[in-house]
Amino acid sequence: MEANSVLTYIQSHGYIVLFLSLFFGIVGIPAPEESLLFFVGIFISHAQLHLFKSLFFAISGATIGMVVTYVAGYTFGSPLLFKYGHYIGFHRRRYRYVYRHFRKRAFLLIPFGYFVPGIRQLSPYMAGVVRFPFLPFLFLSFLGASFWICLFIFVGKFLGERIHIPLHVLPWITLLFFSLFFIALYVKNRKQK
């Protein structure tokens, strides 16, 4: 789905689209979540969305996405990564490296992994694979989601209040960011081959 469509849906259907966008972004469907959150902040500054409802639905979507991915990692574990990991550039050698380092640094990777696309999707799965305790995982996921989401929404709100950005231009700006995101992914994949 195009980012342009996501913003249009958020304007008309609001919070449930925000929840689903963050949920699916964490589960593994690539999307520029940061720019979406930034634009939600701009919508809030223009009184198109409510701040606390936006925060609630965004944090809930991200946290529940983390839990679902954790359960998938806990349930399906390494075999799923070995079978389908090559589609995302994840091979056995990389698995051993990630597994070893994740066990040591899980307390940092879970909350701060939100800020790195790819790590954001992989860290809950690896937490399930290495059998990281669920309650600390849930707490760290919630903490990381809250900080990550609040940061981008408040930056968008702050700039939206100080710089006049017409709302009809936002979908085009989002489309630009979305395109740049996929161009960067394409360039990165070409360099790895």
C-alpha atoms as a PDB file:
ATOM      1  CA  MET A   1       0.000   0.000   0.000  1.00  0.00           C
ATOM      2  CA  GLU A   2       1.354   3.447  -0.858  1.00  0.00           C
ATOM      3  CA  ALA A   3       2.146   5.895   1.920  1.00  0.00           C
ATOM      4  CA  ASN A   4      -0.167   8.352   0.152  1.00  0.00           C
ATOM      5  CA  SER A   5      -3.051   5.918   0.687  1.00  0.00           C
ATOM      6  CA  VAL A   6      -2.067   5.299   4.313  1.00  0.00           C
ATOM      7  CA  LEU A   7      -2.235   9.024   5.087  1.00  0.00           C
ATOM      8  CA  THR A   8      -5.579   9.336   3.337  1.00  0.00           C
ATOM      9  CA  TYR A   9      -6.912   6.397   5.359  1.00  0.00           C
ATOM     10  CA  ILE A  10      -5.562   7.905   8.576  1.00  0.00           C
ATOM     11  CA  GLN A  11      -7.358  11.157   7.807  1.00  0.00           C
ATOM     12  CA  SER A  12     -10.629   9.347   7.184  1.00  0.00           C
ATOM     13  CA  HIS A  13     -10.426   6.277   9.444  1.00  0.00           C
ATOM     14  CA  GLY A  14      -7.920   7.595  11.948  1.00  0.00           C
ATOM     15  CA  TYR A  15      -6.615   5.526  14.746  1.00  0.00           C
ATOM     16  CA  ILE A  16      -7.333   1.988  13.568  1.00  0.00           C
ATOM     17  CA  VAL A  17      -5.204   2.582  10.446  1.00  0.00           C
ATOM     18  CA  LEU A  18      -2.443   3.974  12.664  1.00  0.00           C
ATOM     19  CA  PHE A  19      -2.646   0.858  14.841  1.00  0.00           C
ATOM     20  CA  LEU A  20      -2.545  -1.487  11.835  1.00  0.00           C
ATOM     21  CA  SER A  21       0.294   0.414  10.124  1.00  0.00           C
ATOM     22  CA  LEU A  22       2.496   0.135  13.209  1.00  0.00           C
ATOM     23  CA  PHE A  23       1.461  -3.478  13.854  1.00  0.00           C
ATOM     24  CA  PHE A  24       2.258  -4.627  10.309  1.00  0.00           C
ATOM     25  CA  GLY A  25       5.415  -2.508  10.198  1.00  0.00           C
ATOM     26  CA  ILE A  26       6.756  -4.376  13.228  1.00  0.00           C
ATOM     27  CA  VAL A  27       5.582  -7.777  11.998  1.00  0.00           C
ATOM     28  CA  GLY A  28       7.674  -7.321   8.879  1.00  0.00           C
ATOM     29  CA  ILE A  29       5.854  -5.526   6.077  1.00  0.00           C
ATOM     30  CA  PRO A  30       8.361  -2.823   5.088  1.00  0.00           C
ATOM     31  CA  ALA A  31       7.059   0.698   5.507  1.00  0.00           C
ATOM     32  CA  PRO A  32       8.599   4.005   6.550  1.00  0.00           C
ATOM     33  CA  GLU A  33       7.066   4.062  10.023  1.00  0.00           C
ATOM     34  CA  GLU A  34       9.136   7.055  11.151  1.00  0.00           C
ATOM     35  CA  SER A  35       7.773   9.330   8.439  1.00  0.00           C
ATOM     36  CA  LEU A  36       4.250   8.086   9.153  1.00  0.00           C
ATOM     37  CA  LEU A  37       4.649   8.990  12.834  1.00  0.00           C
ATOM     38  CA  PHE A  38       6.123  12.349  11.887  1.00  0.00           C
ATOM     39  CA  PHE A  39       3.105  13.117   9.707  1.00  0.00           C
ATOM     40  CA  VAL A  40       0.735  11.959  12.450  1.00  0.00           C
ATOM     41  CA  GLY A  41       2.394  14.640  14.590  1.00  0.00           C
ATOM     42  CA  ILE A  42       1.674  17.197  11.874  1.00  0.00           C
ATOM     43  CA  PHE A  43      -1.974  16.032  11.737  1.00  0.00           C
ATOM     44  CA  ILE A  44      -2.138  16.479  15.508  1.00  0.00           C
ATOM     45  CA  SER A  45      -0.767  20.022  15.218  1.00  0.00           C
ATOM     46  CA  HIS A  46      -3.556  20.793  12.707  1.00  0.00           C
ATOM     47  CA  ALA A  47      -6.176  19.253  15.057  1.00  0.00           C
ATOM     48  CA  GLN A  48      -6.880  16.444  12.562  1.00  0.00           C
ATOM     49  CA  LEU A  49      -6.027  13.774  15.163  1.00  0.00           C
ATOM     50  CA  HIS A  50      -6.028  13.682  18.964  1.00  0.00           C
ATOM     51  CA  LEU A  51      -2.588  13.416  20.635  1.00  0.00           C
ATOM     52  CA  PHE A  52      -3.352  10.866  23.352  1.00  0.00           C
ATOM     53  CA  LYS A  53      -5.500   8.645  21.147  1.00  0.00           C
ATOM     54  CA  SER A  54      -2.758   8.657  18.493  1.00  0.00           C
ATOM     55  CA  LEU A  55      -0.126   7.728  21.064  1.00  0.00           C
ATOM     56  CA  PHE A  56      -2.330   4.989  22.526  1.00  0.00           C
ATOM     57  CA  PHE A  57      -3.108   3.351  19.176  1.00  0.00           C
ATOM     58  CA  ALA A  58       0.426   3.692  17.808  1.00  0.00           C
ATOM     59  CA  ILE A  59       2.103   2.305  20.950  1.00  0.00           C
ATOM     60  CA  SER A  60      -0.490  -0.492  21.160  1.00  0.00           C
ATOM     61  CA  GLY A  61       0.052  -1.442  17.508  1.00  0.00           C
ATOM     62  CA  ALA A  62       3.840  -1.520  17.846  1.00  0.00           C
ATOM     63  CA  THR A  63       3.803  -3.416  21.157  1.00  0.00           C
ATOM     64  CA  ILE A  64       1.276  -6.008  19.976  1.00  0.00           C
ATOM     65  CA  GLY A  65       3.289  -6.418  16.770  1.00  0.00           C
ATOM     66  CA  MET A  66       6.360  -7.100  18.903  1.00  0.00           C
ATOM     67  CA  VAL A  67       4.465  -9.698  20.968  1.00  0.00           C
ATOM     68  CA  VAL A  68       3.128 -11.490  17.869  1.00  0.00           C
ATOM     69  CA  THR A  69       6.612 -11.593  16.346  1.00  0.00           C
ATOM     70  CA  TYR A  70       8.084 -12.805  19.669  1.00  0.00           C
ATOM     71  CA  VAL A  71       5.515 -15.630  19.782  1.00  0.00           C
ATOM     72  CA  ALA A  72       6.384 -16.540  16.172  1.00  0.00           C
ATOM     73  CA  GLY A  73      10.080 -16.695  17.076  1.00  0.00           C
ATOM     74  CA  TYR A  74       9.336 -18.698  20.208  1.00  0.00           C
ATOM     75  CA  THR A  75       7.056 -21.105  18.333  1.00  0.00           C
ATOM     76  CA  PHE A  76       8.785 -21.537  14.972  1.00  0.00           C
ATOM     77  CA  GLY A  77      12.335 -20.598  15.959  1.00  0.00           C
ATOM     78  CA  SER A  78      15.396 -21.108  13.812  1.00  0.00           C
ATOM     79  CA  PRO A  79      13.892 -23.472  11.192  1.00  0.00           C
ATOM     80  CA  LEU A  80      11.712 -20.684   9.828  1.00  0.00           C
ATOM     81  CA  LEU A  81      14.735 -18.379   9.547  1.00  0.00           C
ATOM     82  CA  PHE A  82      16.769 -21.084   7.826  1.00  0.00           C
ATOM     83  CA  LYS A  83      13.972 -21.819   5.361  1.00  0.00           C
ATOM     84  CA  TYR A  84      12.993 -18.241   4.424  1.00  0.00           C
ATOM     85  CA  GLY A  85      15.862 -16.120   5.734  1.00  0.00           C
ATOM     86  CA  HIS A  86      17.640 -15.977   2.386  1.00  0.00           C
ATOM     87  CA  TYR A  87      14.819 -13.747   1.116  1.00  0.00           C
ATOM     88  CA  ILE A  88      15.947 -11.042   3.517  1.00  0.00           C
ATOM     89  CA  GLY A  89      19.688 -11.756   3.313  1.00  0.00           C
ATOM     90  CA  PHE A  90      19.759 -13.849   6.479  1.00  0.00           C
ATOM     91  CA  HIS A  91      21.957 -16.977   6.234  1.00  0.00           C
ATOM     92  CA  ARG A  92      23.225 -19.540   8.762  1.00  0.00           C
ATOM     93  CA  ARG A  93      26.526 -17.728   9.307  1.00  0.00           C
ATOM     94  CA  ARG A  94      24.673 -14.491  10.047  1.00  0.00           C
ATOM     95  CA  TYR A  95      22.229 -16.403  12.264  1.00  0.00           C
ATOM     96  CA  ARG A  96      25.034 -17.693  14.497  1.00  0.00           C
ATOM     97  CA  TYR A  97      26.456 -14.191  14.811  1.00  0.00           C
ATOM     98  CA  VAL A  98      23.074 -12.611  15.588  1.00  0.00           C
ATOM     99  CA  TYR A  99      22.112 -15.389  18.009  1.00  0.00           C
ATOM    100  CA  ARG A 100      25.353 -15.039  20.004  1.00  0.00           C
ATOM    101  CA  HIS A 101      25.238 -11.232  20.150  1.00  0.00           C
ATOM    102  CA  PHE A 102      21.511 -11.000  20.739  1.00  0.00           C
ATOM    103  CA  ARG A 103      21.743 -13.124  23.887  1.00  0.00           C
ATOM    104  CA  LYS A 104      24.331 -10.699  25.283  1.00  0.00           C
ATOM    105  CA  ARG A 105      22.674  -7.438  24.233  1.00  0.00           C
ATOM    106  CA  ALA A 106      18.937  -8.159  24.261  1.00  0.00           C
ATOM    107  CA  PHE A 107      18.297  -5.569  26.976  1.00  0.00           C
ATOM    108  CA  LEU A 108      19.581  -2.888  24.587  1.00  0.00           C
ATOM    109  CA  LEU A 109      18.427  -4.295  21.252  1.00  0.00           C
ATOM    110  CA  ILE A 110      14.777  -4.702  22.179  1.00  0.00           C
ATOM    111  CA  PRO A 111      14.040  -1.094  23.236  1.00  0.00           C
ATOM    112  CA  PHE A 112      16.567   0.706  20.999  1.00  0.00           C
ATOM    113  CA  GLY A 113      16.093  -1.601  18.009  1.00  0.00           C
ATOM    114  CA  TYR A 114      12.983   0.410  17.159  1.00  0.00           C
ATOM    115  CA  PHE A 115      15.243   3.126  15.791  1.00  0.00           C
ATOM    116  CA  VAL A 116      16.874   0.838  13.215  1.00  0.00           C
ATOM    117  CA  PRO A 117      14.715  -0.565  10.394  1.00  0.00           C
ATOM    118  CA  GLY A 118      15.361  -4.277  10.095  1.00  0.00           C
ATOM    119  CA  ILE A 119      16.478  -4.612  13.709  1.00  0.00           C
ATOM    120  CA  ARG A 120      13.010  -3.411  14.690  1.00  0.00           C
ATOM    121  CA  GLN A 121      11.495  -6.426  12.885  1.00  0.00           C
ATOM    122  CA  LEU A 122      14.189  -8.960  13.769  1.00  0.00           C
ATOM    123  CA  SER A 123      14.702  -8.263  17.477  1.00  0.00           C
ATOM    124  CA  PRO A 124      11.326  -9.596  18.709  1.00  0.00           C
ATOM    125  CA  TYR A 125      11.704 -12.715  16.583  1.00  0.00           C
ATOM    126  CA  MET A 126      15.218 -13.329  17.941  1.00  0.00           C
ATOM    127  CA  ALA A 127      13.984 -12.668  21.491  1.00  0.00           C
ATOM    128  CA  GLY A 128      11.545 -15.536  20.996  1.00  0.00           C
ATOM    129  CA  VAL A 129      14.201 -17.772  19.427  1.00  0.00           C
ATOM    130  CA  VAL A 130      16.658 -17.277  22.313  1.00  0.00           C
ATOM    131  CA  ARG A 131      13.781 -17.714  24.827  1.00  0.00           C
ATOM    132  CA  PHE A 132      14.207 -14.248  26.346  1.00  0.00           C
ATOM    133  CA  PRO A 133      11.799 -14.078  29.340  1.00  0.00           C
ATOM    134  CA  PHE A 134       8.406 -12.770  28.208  1.00  0.00           C
ATOM    135  CA  LEU A 135       7.598 -10.196  30.923  1.00  0.00           C
ATOM    136  CA  PRO A 136      10.937  -8.346  30.624  1.00  0.00           C
ATOM    137  CA  PHE A 137      10.515  -8.535  26.832  1.00  0.00           C
ATOM    138  CA  LEU A 138       7.024  -7.025  27.067  1.00  0.00           C
ATOM    139  CA  PHE A 139       8.255  -4.235  29.350  1.00  0.00           C
ATOM    140  CA  LEU A 140      11.245  -3.412  27.120  1.00  0.00           C
ATOM    141  CA  SER A 141       9.044  -3.521  24.006  1.00  0.00           C
ATOM    142  CA  PHE A 142       6.526  -1.151  25.535  1.00  0.00           C
ATOM    143  CA  LEU A 143       9.270   1.172  26.784  1.00  0.00           C
ATOM    144  CA  GLY A 144      11.036   1.234  23.407  1.00  0.00           C
ATOM    145  CA  ALA A 145       7.782   1.715  21.477  1.00  0.00           C
ATOM    146  CA  SER A 146       6.736   4.572  23.744  1.00  0.00           C
ATOM    147  CA  PHE A 147      10.029   6.414  23.381  1.00  0.00           C
ATOM    148  CA  TRP A 148      10.326   5.837  19.607  1.00  0.00           C
ATOM    149  CA  ILE A 149       6.731   6.806  18.830  1.00  0.00           C
ATOM    150  CA  CYS A 150       6.640   9.820  21.171  1.00  0.00           C
ATOM    151  CA  LEU A 151       9.873  11.153  19.700  1.00  0.00           C
ATOM    152  CA  PHE A 152       8.661  11.130  16.089  1.00  0.00           C
ATOM    153  CA  ILE A 153       5.130  12.277  16.849  1.00  0.00           C
ATOM    154  CA  PHE A 154       6.320  15.163  19.029  1.00  0.00           C
ATOM    155  CA  VAL A 155       8.890  16.248  16.433  1.00  0.00           C
ATOM    156  CA  GLY A 156       6.120  16.269  13.804  1.00  0.00           C
ATOM    157  CA  LYS A 157       3.801  18.148  16.158  1.00  0.00           C
ATOM    158  CA  PHE A 158       6.500  20.674  17.038  1.00  0.00           C
ATOM    159  CA  LEU A 159       7.381  21.366  13.399  1.00  0.00           C
ATOM    160  CA  GLY A 160       3.720  21.343  12.346  1.00  0.00           C
ATOM    161  CA  GLU A 161       3.025  24.121  14.845  1.00  0.00           C
ATOM    162  CA  ARG A 162       5.956  26.242  13.677  1.00  0.00           C
ATOM    163  CA  ILE A 163       6.191  25.586   9.941  1.00  0.00           C
ATOM    164  CA  HIS A 164       3.063  25.886   7.862  1.00  0.00           C
ATOM    165  CA  ILE A 165       2.770  22.671   5.844  1.00  0.00           C
ATOM    166  CA  PRO A 166      -0.570  22.483   3.999  1.00  0.00           C
ATOM    167  CA  LEU A 167      -2.239  19.125   4.671  1.00  0.00           C
ATOM    168  CA  HIS A 168      -2.945  18.539   0.965  1.00  0.00           C
ATOM    169  CA  VAL A 169       0.842  18.488   0.359  1.00  0.00           C
ATOM    170  CA  LEU A 170       1.560  15.823   3.007  1.00  0.00           C
ATOM    171  CA  PRO A 171       0.648  12.803   0.858  1.00  0.00           C
ATOM    172  CA  TRP A 172       3.120  13.960  -1.806  1.00  0.00           C
ATOM    173  CA  ILE A 173       5.872  14.470   0.759  1.00  0.00           C
ATOM    174  CA  THR A 174       5.105  11.031   2.184  1.00  0.00           C
ATOM    175  CA  LEU A 175       5.222   9.505  -1.274  1.00  0.00           C
ATOM    176  CA  LEU A 176       8.651  11.072  -1.736  1.00  0.00           C
ATOM    177  CA  PHE A 177       9.906   9.605   1.569  1.00  0.00           C
ATOM    178  CA  PHE A 178       8.351   6.242   0.724  1.00  0.00           C
ATOM    179  CA  SER A 179      10.087   6.242  -2.680  1.00  0.00           C
ATOM    180  CA  LEU A 180      13.424   7.204  -1.122  1.00  0.00           C
ATOM    181  CA  PHE A 181      12.996   4.387   1.393  1.00  0.00           C
ATOM    182  CA  PHE A 182      12.575   1.780  -1.352  1.00  0.00           C
ATOM    183  CA  ILE A 183      15.402   3.255  -3.425  1.00  0.00           C
ATOM    184  CA  ALA A 184      17.684   2.947  -0.388  1.00  0.00           C
ATOM    185  CA  LEU A 185      16.589  -0.683   0.096  1.00  0.00           C
ATOM    186  CA  TYR A 186      17.238  -1.410  -3.572  1.00  0.00           C
ATOM    187  CA  VAL A 187      20.709   0.188  -3.476  1.00  0.00           C
ATOM    188  CA  LYS A 188      21.579  -1.684  -0.286  1.00  0.00           C
ATOM    189  CA  ASN A 189      20.523  -5.021  -1.790  1.00  0.00           C
ATOM    190  CA  ARG A 190      22.503  -4.330  -4.976  1.00  0.00           C
ATOM    191  CA  LYS A 191      25.649  -3.646  -2.930  1.00  0.00           C
ATOM    192  CA  GLN A 192      25.242  -6.915  -1.005  1.00  0.00           C
ATOM    193  CA  LYS A 193      25.127  -9.000  -4.213  1.00  0.00           C
END
